[in-house]
Amino acid sequence: MTNALPPSPPESTVPHVRVDITEELDLVGLSEVAHVLDRVLALRPREVTINLAQCRHVDAAAIALLLDVHRRLARRDAVLNLSNPHPRIRQILATAGLGVSVPVVDTPRPAARGRARVTSARR
């Protein structure tokens, strides 16, 4: 009988991924954004920056998604950053307590390679 240890999770495949949110981040488009973020997390990045510079609204569902992404990254000792939020969104993030556990920065770190832009057509 062999005592085999479970395989170690793979190391990070990319150092940094930046996602630009260009629409409102609310329940209407959240499933599309969640799908993109799931694919980003599958890359096992060490750091994810979500650029909110062009986003003008977030709702409770979006806050929950951001917290989920933060927790999933933290379990792997990876980091989520939120960058350049509009002052109103910065206040919403602070009220929700998100700024305590997730860094909110004013200047995003440039993406290492390529760039993914998430947009959704309003229905």
N, C-alpha and C. Protein backbone atom coordinates (compact mmCIF):
# COMPACT_ATOMS: atom_id res chain seq x y z
N MET A 1 0.85 -1.18 0.00
CA MET A 1 0.00 0.00 0.00
C MET A 1 0.89 1.24 0.00
N THR A 2 0.57 2.17 -0.85
CA THR A 2 1.37 3.37 -0.99
C THR A 2 0.59 4.56 -0.42
N ASN A 3 1.27 5.35 0.38
CA ASN A 3 0.66 6.58 0.91
C ASN A 3 1.04 7.72 -0.02
N ALA A 4 0.20 7.99 -0.97
CA ALA A 4 0.46 9.07 -1.92
C ALA A 4 -0.20 10.34 -1.43
N LEU A 5 0.56 11.39 -1.43
CA LEU A 5 0.01 12.69 -1.08
C LEU A 5 -0.79 13.23 -2.25
N PRO A 6 -1.84 14.00 -1.96
CA PRO A 6 -2.58 14.61 -3.07
C PRO A 6 -1.66 15.56 -3.83
N PRO A 7 -1.87 15.68 -5.13
CA PRO A 7 -1.00 16.57 -5.91
C PRO A 7 -1.12 18.01 -5.44
N SER A 8 -0.01 18.69 -5.49
CA SER A 8 -0.01 20.11 -5.13
C SER A 8 -0.73 20.90 -6.21
N PRO A 9 -1.41 21.97 -5.81
CA PRO A 9 -2.04 22.79 -6.84
C PRO A 9 -0.97 23.41 -7.71
N PRO A 10 -1.27 23.64 -8.97
CA PRO A 10 -0.27 24.23 -9.86
C PRO A 10 0.09 25.65 -9.41
N GLU A 11 1.31 26.01 -9.69
CA GLU A 11 1.76 27.36 -9.39
C GLU A 11 1.04 28.36 -10.28
N SER A 12 1.19 29.61 -9.93
CA SER A 12 0.59 30.68 -10.72
C SER A 12 1.11 30.61 -12.16
N THR A 13 0.19 30.77 -13.10
CA THR A 13 0.59 30.74 -14.49
C THR A 13 0.86 32.13 -15.05
N VAL A 14 0.32 33.15 -14.41
CA VAL A 14 0.56 34.54 -14.83
C VAL A 14 0.76 35.39 -13.59
N PRO A 15 1.60 36.40 -13.66
CA PRO A 15 1.81 37.22 -12.47
C PRO A 15 0.67 38.19 -12.19
N HIS A 16 0.07 38.76 -13.24
CA HIS A 16 -0.90 39.83 -13.03
C HIS A 16 -1.90 39.87 -14.18
N VAL A 17 -3.17 40.04 -13.82
CA VAL A 17 -4.22 40.20 -14.83
C VAL A 17 -5.01 41.45 -14.45
N ARG A 18 -5.29 42.27 -15.45
CA ARG A 18 -6.10 43.46 -15.24
C ARG A 18 -7.38 43.32 -16.05
N VAL A 19 -8.51 43.60 -15.41
CA VAL A 19 -9.81 43.56 -16.06
C VAL A 19 -10.41 44.96 -15.97
N ASP A 20 -10.79 45.52 -17.10
CA ASP A 20 -11.43 46.84 -17.14
C ASP A 20 -12.94 46.65 -17.17
N ILE A 21 -13.63 47.25 -16.21
CA ILE A 21 -15.09 47.24 -16.20
C ILE A 21 -15.53 48.55 -16.84
N THR A 22 -16.24 48.45 -17.97
CA THR A 22 -16.60 49.65 -18.72
C THR A 22 -18.08 49.98 -18.65
N GLU A 23 -18.84 49.18 -17.97
CA GLU A 23 -20.28 49.39 -17.83
C GLU A 23 -20.61 49.43 -16.34
N GLU A 24 -21.89 49.59 -16.05
CA GLU A 24 -22.33 49.46 -14.67
C GLU A 24 -22.11 48.03 -14.22
N LEU A 25 -21.68 47.86 -12.99
CA LEU A 25 -21.45 46.54 -12.44
C LEU A 25 -22.63 46.23 -11.52
N ASP A 26 -23.66 45.64 -12.13
CA ASP A 26 -24.88 45.37 -11.39
C ASP A 26 -25.45 44.02 -11.81
N LEU A 27 -26.57 43.67 -11.24
CA LEU A 27 -27.17 42.35 -11.45
C LEU A 27 -27.42 42.04 -12.92
N VAL A 28 -27.73 43.05 -13.73
CA VAL A 28 -28.04 42.84 -15.15
C VAL A 28 -26.87 42.19 -15.88
N GLY A 29 -25.66 42.69 -15.71
CA GLY A 29 -24.52 42.16 -16.44
C GLY A 29 -23.58 41.31 -15.61
N LEU A 30 -23.99 41.00 -14.39
CA LEU A 30 -23.08 40.34 -13.47
C LEU A 30 -22.69 38.93 -13.90
N SER A 31 -23.59 38.19 -14.51
CA SER A 31 -23.24 36.81 -14.89
C SER A 31 -22.11 36.79 -15.92
N GLU A 32 -22.13 37.75 -16.83
CA GLU A 32 -21.06 37.83 -17.84
C GLU A 32 -19.72 38.18 -17.18
N VAL A 33 -19.75 39.14 -16.27
CA VAL A 33 -18.53 39.53 -15.56
C VAL A 33 -18.03 38.36 -14.71
N ALA A 34 -18.94 37.67 -14.03
CA ALA A 34 -18.56 36.52 -13.20
C ALA A 34 -17.90 35.44 -14.04
N HIS A 35 -18.44 35.22 -15.24
CA HIS A 35 -17.86 34.22 -16.14
C HIS A 35 -16.43 34.60 -16.53
N VAL A 36 -16.22 35.86 -16.87
CA VAL A 36 -14.88 36.33 -17.23
C VAL A 36 -13.94 36.19 -16.04
N LEU A 37 -14.40 36.57 -14.85
CA LEU A 37 -13.54 36.46 -13.67
C LEU A 37 -13.22 35.01 -13.33
N ASP A 38 -14.16 34.10 -13.55
CA ASP A 38 -13.88 32.67 -13.35
C ASP A 38 -12.75 32.22 -14.27
N ARG A 39 -12.80 32.68 -15.51
CA ARG A 39 -11.75 32.31 -16.47
C ARG A 39 -10.40 32.93 -16.08
N VAL A 40 -10.45 34.15 -15.58
CA VAL A 40 -9.22 34.80 -15.11
C VAL A 40 -8.64 34.01 -13.94
N LEU A 41 -9.49 33.64 -12.98
CA LEU A 41 -9.00 32.90 -11.81
C LEU A 41 -8.46 31.53 -12.19
N ALA A 42 -8.96 30.95 -13.27
CA ALA A 42 -8.46 29.65 -13.73
C ALA A 42 -7.00 29.75 -14.17
N LEU A 43 -6.55 30.95 -14.51
CA LEU A 43 -5.14 31.17 -14.87
C LEU A 43 -4.22 31.16 -13.66
N ARG A 44 -4.81 31.20 -12.46
CA ARG A 44 -4.10 31.21 -11.19
C ARG A 44 -3.13 32.39 -11.08
N PRO A 45 -3.61 33.61 -11.35
CA PRO A 45 -2.72 34.77 -11.25
C PRO A 45 -2.34 35.05 -9.80
N ARG A 46 -1.20 35.68 -9.62
CA ARG A 46 -0.75 36.10 -8.28
C ARG A 46 -1.48 37.39 -7.88
N GLU A 47 -1.91 38.16 -8.88
CA GLU A 47 -2.57 39.43 -8.61
C GLU A 47 -3.60 39.71 -9.71
N VAL A 48 -4.77 40.19 -9.29
CA VAL A 48 -5.81 40.62 -10.22
C VAL A 48 -6.17 42.05 -9.87
N THR A 49 -6.17 42.90 -10.88
CA THR A 49 -6.62 44.28 -10.70
C THR A 49 -7.89 44.47 -11.52
N ILE A 50 -8.94 44.93 -10.85
CA ILE A 50 -10.17 45.26 -11.53
C ILE A 50 -10.23 46.78 -11.61
N ASN A 51 -10.11 47.29 -12.83
CA ASN A 51 -10.10 48.73 -13.06
C ASN A 51 -11.55 49.23 -13.17
N LEU A 52 -11.94 50.09 -12.25
CA LEU A 52 -13.30 50.62 -12.19
C LEU A 52 -13.39 52.06 -12.69
N ALA A 53 -12.39 52.54 -13.40
CA ALA A 53 -12.35 53.94 -13.82
C ALA A 53 -13.55 54.34 -14.66
N GLN A 54 -14.06 53.43 -15.50
CA GLN A 54 -15.18 53.78 -16.38
C GLN A 54 -16.52 53.27 -15.85
N CYS A 55 -16.51 52.64 -14.71
CA CYS A 55 -17.73 52.10 -14.10
C CYS A 55 -18.38 53.19 -13.25
N ARG A 56 -19.67 53.40 -13.43
CA ARG A 56 -20.35 54.46 -12.70
C ARG A 56 -21.36 53.96 -11.67
N HIS A 57 -21.53 52.62 -11.56
CA HIS A 57 -22.48 52.10 -10.58
C HIS A 57 -22.11 50.67 -10.20
N VAL A 58 -22.19 50.36 -8.92
CA VAL A 58 -22.09 48.99 -8.42
C VAL A 58 -23.26 48.77 -7.48
N ASP A 59 -23.76 47.54 -7.45
CA ASP A 59 -24.85 47.22 -6.53
C ASP A 59 -24.39 46.14 -5.56
N ALA A 60 -25.31 45.69 -4.72
CA ALA A 60 -24.98 44.70 -3.68
C ALA A 60 -24.50 43.39 -4.30
N ALA A 61 -25.08 42.99 -5.42
CA ALA A 61 -24.65 41.76 -6.08
C ALA A 61 -23.21 41.88 -6.56
N ALA A 62 -22.83 43.04 -7.05
CA ALA A 62 -21.46 43.27 -7.50
C ALA A 62 -20.49 43.22 -6.32
N ILE A 63 -20.89 43.81 -5.20
CA ILE A 63 -20.05 43.78 -3.99
C ILE A 63 -19.83 42.32 -3.58
N ALA A 64 -20.89 41.52 -3.62
CA ALA A 64 -20.77 40.10 -3.26
C ALA A 64 -19.82 39.37 -4.20
N LEU A 65 -19.89 39.68 -5.49
CA LEU A 65 -18.99 39.06 -6.46
C LEU A 65 -17.54 39.45 -6.17
N LEU A 66 -17.29 40.72 -5.91
CA LEU A 66 -15.93 41.17 -5.63
C LEU A 66 -15.39 40.51 -4.37
N LEU A 67 -16.22 40.37 -3.35
CA LEU A 67 -15.80 39.68 -2.13
C LEU A 67 -15.48 38.21 -2.41
N ASP A 68 -16.28 37.57 -3.24
CA ASP A 68 -16.04 36.17 -3.59
C ASP A 68 -14.70 36.03 -4.31
N VAL A 69 -14.44 36.92 -5.26
CA VAL A 69 -13.16 36.88 -5.99
C VAL A 69 -12.01 37.10 -5.02
N HIS A 70 -12.16 38.05 -4.12
CA HIS A 70 -11.12 38.31 -3.11
C HIS A 70 -10.85 37.05 -2.28
N ARG A 71 -11.89 36.40 -1.80
CA ARG A 71 -11.72 35.19 -0.96
C ARG A 71 -11.05 34.07 -1.74
N ARG A 72 -11.46 33.88 -2.99
CA ARG A 72 -10.88 32.82 -3.80
C ARG A 72 -9.39 33.07 -4.04
N LEU A 73 -9.03 34.32 -4.28
CA LEU A 73 -7.62 34.65 -4.47
C LEU A 73 -6.85 34.51 -3.16
N ALA A 74 -7.43 34.97 -2.06
CA ALA A 74 -6.75 34.93 -0.77
C ALA A 74 -6.43 33.49 -0.34
N ARG A 75 -7.29 32.55 -0.70
CA ARG A 75 -7.02 31.14 -0.37
C ARG A 75 -5.75 30.64 -1.02
N ARG A 76 -5.33 31.28 -2.10
CA ARG A 76 -4.10 30.90 -2.80
C ARG A 76 -2.98 31.90 -2.56
N ASP A 77 -3.15 32.76 -1.56
CA ASP A 77 -2.17 33.80 -1.26
C ASP A 77 -1.97 34.75 -2.43
N ALA A 78 -3.03 34.97 -3.19
CA ALA A 78 -3.00 35.93 -4.29
C ALA A 78 -3.80 37.16 -3.87
N VAL A 79 -3.74 38.22 -4.65
CA VAL A 79 -4.28 39.51 -4.25
C VAL A 79 -5.25 40.06 -5.29
N LEU A 80 -6.34 40.65 -4.79
CA LEU A 80 -7.26 41.42 -5.62
C LEU A 80 -7.07 42.89 -5.30
N ASN A 81 -6.95 43.72 -6.33
CA ASN A 81 -6.91 45.17 -6.19
C ASN A 81 -8.07 45.76 -6.98
N LEU A 82 -8.66 46.80 -6.46
CA LEU A 82 -9.65 47.58 -7.19
C LEU A 82 -9.01 48.92 -7.49
N SER A 83 -9.05 49.34 -8.75
CA SER A 83 -8.33 50.57 -9.08
C SER A 83 -9.26 51.63 -9.66
N ASN A 84 -8.90 52.86 -9.36
CA ASN A 84 -9.51 54.06 -9.92
C ASN A 84 -11.03 54.14 -9.84
N PRO A 85 -11.63 53.78 -8.72
CA PRO A 85 -13.09 53.90 -8.67
C PRO A 85 -13.51 55.37 -8.63
N HIS A 86 -14.64 55.65 -9.24
CA HIS A 86 -15.28 56.96 -9.15
C HIS A 86 -15.49 57.25 -7.66
N PRO A 87 -15.42 58.53 -7.23
CA PRO A 87 -15.59 58.83 -5.80
C PRO A 87 -16.88 58.25 -5.19
N ARG A 88 -17.95 58.23 -5.94
CA ARG A 88 -19.21 57.67 -5.42
C ARG A 88 -19.07 56.16 -5.21
N ILE A 89 -18.40 55.49 -6.14
CA ILE A 89 -18.19 54.05 -5.99
C ILE A 89 -17.21 53.77 -4.86
N ARG A 90 -16.21 54.60 -4.72
CA ARG A 90 -15.26 54.45 -3.60
C ARG A 90 -16.02 54.52 -2.27
N GLN A 91 -17.00 55.42 -2.19
CA GLN A 91 -17.80 55.53 -0.97
C GLN A 91 -18.65 54.28 -0.74
N ILE A 92 -19.24 53.75 -1.81
CA ILE A 92 -20.02 52.51 -1.70
C ILE A 92 -19.14 51.37 -1.22
N LEU A 93 -17.94 51.25 -1.79
CA LEU A 93 -17.01 50.20 -1.38
C LEU A 93 -16.63 50.35 0.09
N ALA A 94 -16.40 51.59 0.51
CA ALA A 94 -16.05 51.83 1.92
C ALA A 94 -17.22 51.49 2.84
N THR A 95 -18.42 51.89 2.45
CA THR A 95 -19.61 51.59 3.26
C THR A 95 -19.81 50.09 3.39
N ALA A 96 -19.54 49.36 2.33
CA ALA A 96 -19.70 47.90 2.34
C ALA A 96 -18.55 47.22 3.08
N GLY A 97 -17.52 47.97 3.44
CA GLY A 97 -16.38 47.40 4.15
C GLY A 97 -15.39 46.71 3.24
N LEU A 98 -15.56 46.86 1.95
CA LEU A 98 -14.69 46.18 1.00
C LEU A 98 -13.28 46.75 1.00
N GLY A 99 -13.15 48.04 1.23
CA GLY A 99 -11.83 48.67 1.23
C GLY A 99 -10.94 48.22 2.36
N VAL A 100 -11.51 47.58 3.38
CA VAL A 100 -10.71 47.09 4.49
C VAL A 100 -9.89 45.86 4.09
N SER A 101 -10.52 44.95 3.35
CA SER A 101 -9.84 43.70 2.98
C SER A 101 -9.26 43.71 1.58
N VAL A 102 -9.77 44.58 0.72
CA VAL A 102 -9.31 44.64 -0.67
C VAL A 102 -8.68 46.01 -0.91
N PRO A 103 -7.42 46.05 -1.35
CA PRO A 103 -6.80 47.34 -1.62
C PRO A 103 -7.53 48.10 -2.74
N VAL A 104 -7.77 49.37 -2.50
CA VAL A 104 -8.35 50.26 -3.50
C VAL A 104 -7.24 51.26 -3.84
N VAL A 105 -6.78 51.20 -5.08
CA VAL A 105 -5.64 52.01 -5.50
C VAL A 105 -6.07 53.01 -6.57
N ASP A 106 -5.32 54.09 -6.69
CA ASP A 106 -5.66 55.12 -7.66
C ASP A 106 -5.01 54.93 -9.02
N THR A 107 -3.93 54.20 -9.09
CA THR A 107 -3.27 53.98 -10.37
C THR A 107 -3.05 52.50 -10.53
N PRO A 108 -3.65 51.90 -11.56
CA PRO A 108 -3.48 50.46 -11.73
C PRO A 108 -2.09 50.11 -12.22
N ARG A 109 -1.64 48.97 -11.81
CA ARG A 109 -0.39 48.43 -12.34
C ARG A 109 -0.68 47.97 -13.76
N PRO A 110 0.18 48.26 -14.73
CA PRO A 110 -0.10 47.83 -16.11
C PRO A 110 -0.14 46.32 -16.22
N ALA A 111 -0.98 45.84 -17.11
CA ALA A 111 -1.09 44.40 -17.34
C ALA A 111 0.22 43.87 -17.92
N ALA A 112 0.57 42.66 -17.53
CA ALA A 112 1.81 42.06 -18.02
C ALA A 112 1.73 41.76 -19.51
N ARG A 113 0.59 41.19 -19.94
CA ARG A 113 0.39 40.85 -21.35
C ARG A 113 -1.06 41.02 -21.69
N GLY A 114 -1.31 41.59 -22.81
CA GLY A 114 -2.68 41.68 -23.29
C GLY A 114 -3.59 42.46 -22.37
N ARG A 115 -4.85 42.42 -22.71
CA ARG A 115 -5.82 43.17 -21.93
C ARG A 115 -7.19 42.60 -22.23
N ALA A 116 -7.98 42.41 -21.21
CA ALA A 116 -9.35 41.91 -21.39
C ALA A 116 -10.30 43.03 -21.03
N ARG A 117 -11.25 43.28 -21.88
CA ARG A 117 -12.25 44.31 -21.62
C ARG A 117 -13.59 43.63 -21.57
N VAL A 118 -14.32 43.87 -20.48
CA VAL A 118 -15.64 43.25 -20.30
C VAL A 118 -16.69 44.32 -20.55
N THR A 119 -17.50 44.09 -21.55
CA THR A 119 -18.63 44.97 -21.80
C THR A 119 -19.85 44.10 -22.00
N SER A 120 -20.99 44.65 -21.70
CA SER A 120 -22.22 43.88 -21.91
C SER A 120 -23.24 44.76 -22.60
N ALA A 121 -23.97 44.17 -23.49
CA ALA A 121 -25.04 44.89 -24.18
C ALA A 121 -26.26 44.88 -23.27
N ARG A 122 -26.82 46.03 -23.05
CA ARG A 122 -28.04 46.12 -22.24
C ARG A 122 -29.18 45.49 -23.00
N ARG A 123 -29.98 44.75 -22.28
CA ARG A 123 -31.12 44.07 -22.91
C ARG A 123 -32.36 44.87 -22.80
